Amino acid sequence: MTVLMSTPAPGDVRAVVDVLRTWQDDATPVQLHPGDVGWFGRFGADAAAAAVRTWARDGRVVAVGLLDGSRLLRLATAPDAHRDEELARRLVADVSTPERGVLPDGEVSVEARPGALVSDLLGVEGWDTEEPFAPLQRDLTGPVEDPGVRVEVVGPDRVSERTAVHRAAFGGPSFTDERWHDLAAGALYADARCLLAYDDDGVAVGATTVWSAGPGRPGLIEPLGVHPDHRRRGFGRAITLAGAAVLRELGSSSAVVITESSRDAAVATYVSAGFQRLPDRHDRRRAG
């Protein structure tokens, strides 16, 4: 049987994500989450579909990739396929050959779950490891502490506050009100909630979006940020707790977040909100 790669039509992305959600499990290493695809929906349904790649064998999807920008492919594999040699060799060939429409020439990166054979084979092909990322996870079988601040679910009346906090927190202009509306209009946003945290003066100071993968499966916090004028005052912990509480309400078994290992303040914030740091992970990078 041959592994075939394809790009879904916009109307087929939900079906791909439904497969991806069945691969999420608290007992396995963190990998590409339905929320990662959902967050990409801020660029519109057509762009989100164009960024997705699937690999299928005999009609069954065994790997899903998201082009997070033009030079990073984020991969997930079916639980029984992460050491599948035929699949791994096909993935290596596809990401290494620009003509196949996955990654271009030059410096590119691949994110794969720890222990995946594709990562090992990329190493054999000379791909180096990137700087480490820190996954963190909080069990949600028990109650989540009160965040201690006012937190609101974002609807159309709070969009400008939500996008303004995001732009300030991440230092970029790209998340506009229009993009929030594109995000919220996507089919995947039914499994998500945007949240805003406010200070005592009613100023929006922190924001996050959380994504369920369905009851009994880990949910994702992506992204989360605090306005730079309001940092070091506990708002990061507060909005993290609020996000975890919403995921618990949605039936998630745990909350997962990933950040750069070098971001000590971010890691400390998540730990203070009850998250446990998991072993660091490394993307594979091909030098230009």
Protein backbone atom coordinates (compact mmCIF):
# COMPACT_ATOMS: atom_id res chain seq x y z
CA MET A 1 0.00 0.00 0.00
CA THR A 2 1.23 3.48 -0.88
CA VAL A 3 1.08 6.57 1.32
CA LEU A 4 -0.45 9.48 -0.59
CA MET A 5 -0.22 13.17 0.29
CA SER A 6 -3.01 15.67 -0.39
CA THR A 7 -4.31 19.12 0.53
CA PRO A 8 -7.95 19.26 1.66
CA ALA A 9 -10.57 21.55 0.21
CA PRO A 10 -11.88 24.17 2.66
CA GLY A 11 -15.01 22.13 3.24
CA ASP A 12 -12.97 19.05 4.15
CA VAL A 13 -10.80 20.60 6.88
CA ARG A 14 -13.33 19.80 9.60
CA ALA A 15 -13.18 16.10 8.71
CA VAL A 16 -9.37 16.19 8.90
CA VAL A 17 -9.53 17.87 12.30
CA ASP A 18 -12.04 15.28 13.49
CA VAL A 19 -9.40 12.65 12.76
CA LEU A 20 -6.72 14.74 14.45
CA ARG A 21 -8.77 15.08 17.61
CA THR A 22 -8.95 11.28 18.02
CA TRP A 23 -5.14 11.23 18.21
CA GLN A 24 -5.01 13.50 21.26
CA ASP A 25 -4.30 11.57 24.44
CA ASP A 26 -2.98 12.49 27.88
CA ALA A 27 -0.75 9.43 27.87
CA THR A 28 1.13 10.31 24.67
CA PRO A 29 3.53 13.17 23.86
CA VAL A 30 2.00 16.47 22.82
CA GLN A 31 1.69 16.90 19.06
CA LEU A 32 -0.21 19.03 16.55
CA HIS A 33 -3.61 19.80 18.12
CA PRO A 34 -6.94 20.65 16.48
CA GLY A 35 -6.61 24.06 18.10
CA ASP A 36 -3.43 24.74 16.14
CA VAL A 37 -5.41 24.33 12.93
CA GLY A 38 -8.28 26.31 14.42
CA TRP A 39 -6.07 29.26 15.37
CA PHE A 40 -4.77 29.33 11.78
CA GLY A 41 -8.38 30.00 10.77
CA ARG A 42 -7.82 33.68 11.54
CA PHE A 43 -6.41 33.88 8.02
CA GLY A 44 -9.68 32.62 6.54
CA ALA A 45 -11.01 29.21 5.56
CA ASP A 46 -9.23 29.06 2.21
CA ALA A 47 -5.83 29.92 3.72
CA ALA A 48 -6.29 27.44 6.55
CA ALA A 49 -7.12 24.64 4.11
CA ALA A 50 -4.17 25.52 1.88
CA ALA A 51 -1.85 25.18 4.89
CA VAL A 52 -2.95 21.63 5.73
CA ARG A 53 -1.39 18.45 4.34
CA THR A 54 -2.64 14.94 4.93
CA TRP A 55 -0.95 11.60 4.32
CA ALA A 56 -3.25 8.61 3.83
CA ARG A 57 -2.78 4.90 3.29
CA ASP A 58 -5.61 2.89 1.75
CA GLY A 59 -7.94 5.83 2.37
CA ARG A 60 -7.07 6.18 6.06
CA VAL A 61 -5.35 9.40 7.20
CA VAL A 62 -2.17 8.47 9.09
CA ALA A 63 -0.46 11.88 9.34
CA VAL A 64 -1.57 15.51 9.33
CA GLY A 65 0.65 18.54 8.84
CA LEU A 66 0.10 22.28 9.23
CA LEU A 67 2.32 24.77 7.40
CA ASP A 68 2.69 27.39 10.13
CA GLY A 69 4.17 29.96 7.79
CA SER A 70 6.05 28.91 4.69
CA ARG A 71 9.04 27.33 6.45
CA LEU A 72 7.67 25.32 9.38
CA LEU A 73 5.66 22.12 9.09
CA ARG A 74 3.97 20.95 12.27
CA LEU A 75 3.21 17.22 12.16
CA ALA A 76 0.96 14.75 13.93
CA THR A 77 0.82 11.02 13.29
CA ALA A 78 -1.75 8.40 14.16
CA PRO A 79 -0.98 6.64 17.46
CA ASP A 80 -0.09 3.40 15.69
CA ALA A 81 2.00 5.11 13.00
CA HIS A 82 4.63 7.23 14.73
CA ARG A 83 7.25 4.49 14.16
CA ASP A 84 5.86 3.40 10.77
CA GLU A 85 8.85 3.23 8.44
CA GLU A 86 6.96 3.56 5.16
CA LEU A 87 5.16 6.65 6.42
CA ALA A 88 8.29 8.18 7.93
CA ARG A 89 10.29 7.76 4.73
CA ARG A 90 7.47 9.26 2.67
CA LEU A 91 7.28 12.24 5.06
CA VAL A 92 11.05 12.78 4.84
CA ALA A 93 10.92 12.65 1.04
CA ASP A 94 8.00 15.08 0.85
CA VAL A 95 9.47 17.69 3.23
CA SER A 96 12.89 17.41 1.55
CA THR A 97 11.65 17.86 -2.02
CA PRO A 98 10.36 21.40 -2.72
CA GLU A 99 8.60 20.28 -5.89
CA ARG A 100 6.18 18.24 -3.77
CA GLY A 101 4.65 21.40 -2.36
CA VAL A 102 5.36 21.05 1.35
CA LEU A 103 8.48 23.06 2.22
CA PRO A 104 10.60 25.30 -0.03
CA ASP A 105 14.35 25.36 -0.58
CA GLY A 106 16.54 26.90 2.09
CA GLU A 107 16.21 26.90 5.85
CA VAL A 108 13.08 25.05 6.99
CA SER A 109 11.87 23.22 10.11
CA VAL A 110 9.70 20.25 10.98
CA GLU A 111 7.94 19.79 14.31
CA ALA A 112 7.12 16.16 15.13
CA ARG A 113 6.13 14.41 18.33
CA PRO A 114 9.01 13.11 20.47
CA GLY A 115 9.94 9.59 19.50
CA ALA A 116 8.52 9.83 15.99
CA LEU A 117 10.60 7.93 13.43
CA VAL A 118 10.36 10.82 10.98
CA SER A 119 12.41 12.97 13.36
CA ASP A 120 15.07 10.26 13.66
CA LEU A 121 15.29 9.91 9.88
CA LEU A 122 15.56 13.67 9.38
CA GLY A 123 18.51 13.59 11.77
CA VAL A 124 20.12 10.89 9.66
CA GLU A 125 19.62 13.16 6.64
CA GLY A 126 21.56 15.93 8.38
CA TRP A 127 18.73 18.01 9.85
CA ASP A 128 19.86 19.61 13.13
CA THR A 129 17.78 20.17 16.25
CA GLU A 130 16.28 23.58 17.02
CA GLU A 131 16.27 25.43 20.34
CA PRO A 132 14.07 23.57 22.84
CA PHE A 133 10.38 24.12 23.51
CA ALA A 134 8.73 23.39 26.85
CA PRO A 135 5.36 21.61 26.87
CA LEU A 136 3.36 22.06 30.07
CA GLN A 137 0.20 20.26 31.11
CA ARG A 138 -2.38 20.56 33.88
CA ASP A 139 -4.76 17.79 34.91
CA LEU A 140 -8.38 18.96 34.88
CA THR A 141 -10.08 16.13 36.73
CA GLY A 142 -10.30 18.40 39.78
CA PRO A 143 -11.57 21.97 40.14
CA VAL A 144 -9.53 24.96 38.98
CA GLU A 145 -8.78 27.82 41.35
CA ASP A 146 -10.60 31.11 40.97
CA PRO A 147 -8.44 33.47 38.89
CA GLY A 148 -9.15 36.35 41.26
CA VAL A 149 -9.90 38.84 38.49
CA ARG A 150 -12.83 39.55 36.21
CA VAL A 151 -12.75 37.39 33.09
CA GLU A 152 -15.17 37.66 30.17
CA VAL A 153 -15.81 35.45 27.16
CA VAL A 154 -15.18 37.48 24.01
CA GLY A 155 -18.12 38.09 21.72
CA PRO A 156 -18.56 40.65 18.94
CA ASP A 157 -18.82 43.49 21.49
CA ARG A 158 -15.34 42.82 22.91
CA VAL A 159 -13.41 42.08 19.73
CA SER A 160 -11.45 45.33 19.62
CA GLU A 161 -10.28 44.85 23.20
CA ARG A 162 -9.27 41.26 22.43
CA THR A 163 -7.25 42.12 19.36
CA ALA A 164 -5.61 45.16 20.98
CA VAL A 165 -4.33 43.08 23.90
CA HIS A 166 -2.99 40.46 21.50
CA ARG A 167 -1.17 43.00 19.34
CA ALA A 168 0.41 44.64 22.39
CA ALA A 169 1.36 41.33 24.01
CA PHE A 170 3.00 39.86 20.90
CA GLY A 171 4.35 43.05 19.37
CA GLY A 172 2.83 42.62 15.93
CA PRO A 173 0.00 44.23 13.98
CA SER A 174 -1.43 41.16 12.27
CA PHE A 175 -4.32 40.17 14.57
CA THR A 176 -6.98 42.65 13.52
CA ASP A 177 -10.71 42.75 14.26
CA GLU A 178 -11.32 41.38 10.77
CA ARG A 179 -9.10 38.40 11.48
CA TRP A 180 -10.91 37.70 14.74
CA HIS A 181 -14.18 37.61 12.84
CA ASP A 182 -12.61 35.22 10.29
CA LEU A 183 -11.48 33.06 13.20
CA ALA A 184 -14.88 33.04 14.89
CA ALA A 185 -16.68 32.34 11.61
CA GLY A 186 -14.70 29.14 11.05
CA ALA A 187 -16.26 25.76 11.78
CA LEU A 188 -13.47 24.90 14.24
CA TYR A 189 -14.24 27.85 16.53
CA ALA A 190 -17.26 25.97 17.87
CA ASP A 191 -14.72 24.13 20.05
CA ALA A 192 -12.99 27.33 21.22
CA ARG A 193 -13.44 30.30 23.53
CA CYS A 194 -11.63 33.64 23.58
CA LEU A 195 -11.22 35.16 27.04
CA LEU A 196 -10.26 38.61 28.35
CA ALA A 197 -9.00 39.41 31.84
CA TYR A 198 -9.62 42.87 33.33
CA ASP A 199 -7.96 44.82 36.12
CA ASP A 200 -9.84 46.63 38.89
CA ASP A 201 -10.26 49.69 36.66
CA GLY A 202 -11.99 47.68 33.94
CA VAL A 203 -9.01 47.73 31.57
CA ALA A 204 -8.44 44.61 29.46
CA VAL A 205 -5.00 43.34 30.47
CA GLY A 206 -4.71 39.72 29.31
CA ALA A 207 -6.21 37.46 26.67
CA THR A 208 -6.21 33.87 25.53
CA THR A 209 -7.97 31.46 23.21
CA VAL A 210 -8.59 27.89 24.36
CA TRP A 211 -9.43 24.91 22.16
CA SER A 212 -11.22 21.70 23.09
CA ALA A 213 -10.43 18.43 21.31
CA GLY A 214 -13.60 16.90 22.73
CA PRO A 215 -14.60 15.42 26.08
CA GLY A 216 -11.95 13.33 27.78
CA ARG A 217 -9.13 14.68 25.62
CA PRO A 218 -6.46 17.34 26.28
CA GLY A 219 -7.41 20.91 25.38
CA LEU A 220 -4.99 23.54 24.12
CA ILE A 221 -4.24 27.08 25.28
CA GLU A 222 -3.10 28.96 22.14
CA PRO A 223 -2.31 31.82 22.27
CA LEU A 224 -2.02 33.58 25.66
CA GLY A 225 -0.60 37.01 26.33
CA VAL A 226 -0.59 39.90 28.80
CA HIS A 227 -0.36 43.55 27.80
CA PRO A 228 3.22 44.71 28.49
CA ASP A 229 1.96 47.62 30.61
CA HIS A 230 0.36 45.17 33.03
CA ARG A 231 2.91 42.40 33.42
CA ARG A 232 4.37 41.11 36.70
CA ARG A 233 1.07 41.67 38.49
CA GLY A 234 -0.34 38.14 38.35
CA PHE A 235 -2.54 38.61 35.29
CA GLY A 236 -0.71 35.89 33.34
CA ARG A 237 -1.52 33.34 36.04
CA ALA A 238 -5.09 34.63 36.23
CA ILE A 239 -5.86 34.31 32.52
CA THR A 240 -4.16 30.88 32.46
CA LEU A 241 -6.39 29.68 35.30
CA ALA A 242 -9.45 31.09 33.54
CA GLY A 243 -8.52 29.27 30.34
CA ALA A 244 -8.00 26.00 32.20
CA ALA A 245 -11.38 26.40 33.92
CA VAL A 246 -13.15 26.92 30.59
CA LEU A 247 -11.47 23.87 29.10
CA ARG A 248 -12.67 21.86 32.08
CA GLU A 249 -16.21 23.13 31.46
CA LEU A 250 -15.86 21.96 27.85
CA GLY A 251 -14.96 18.48 29.08
CA SER A 252 -11.19 18.53 28.51
CA SER A 253 -9.19 16.03 30.55
CA SER A 254 -6.19 18.36 30.76
CA ALA A 255 -4.91 21.70 29.53
CA VAL A 256 -1.76 21.87 27.42
CA VAL A 257 0.42 24.83 26.49
CA ILE A 258 3.79 25.02 24.72
CA THR A 259 6.30 27.86 24.97
CA GLU A 260 9.98 28.40 24.25
CA SER A 261 12.10 26.88 27.01
CA SER A 262 14.13 30.10 27.14
CA ARG A 263 11.07 32.12 28.20
CA ASP A 264 11.61 31.67 31.93
CA ALA A 265 8.84 34.08 32.93
CA ALA A 266 6.26 32.30 30.76
CA VAL A 267 7.24 28.88 32.08
CA ALA A 268 7.08 30.19 35.66
CA THR A 269 3.61 31.64 35.02
CA TYR A 270 2.23 28.32 33.81
CA VAL A 271 3.84 26.42 36.68
CA SER A 272 2.28 28.90 39.13
CA ALA A 273 -1.10 28.04 37.58
CA GLY A 274 -0.65 24.35 38.38
CA PHE A 275 0.92 23.16 35.13
CA GLN A 276 3.64 20.53 35.18
CA ARG A 277 6.58 20.96 32.86
CA LEU A 278 7.12 18.00 30.57
CA PRO A 279 10.43 17.05 28.91
CA ASP A 280 11.69 19.63 26.41
CA ARG A 281 11.20 18.93 22.71
CA HIS A 282 13.18 20.00 19.64
CA ASP A 283 12.08 20.72 16.10
CA ARG A 284 14.28 19.52 13.24
CA ARG A 285 15.91 22.23 11.10
CA ARG A 286 17.56 22.06 7.69
CA ALA A 287 20.06 24.86 7.23
CA GLY A 288 19.74 27.03 4.15
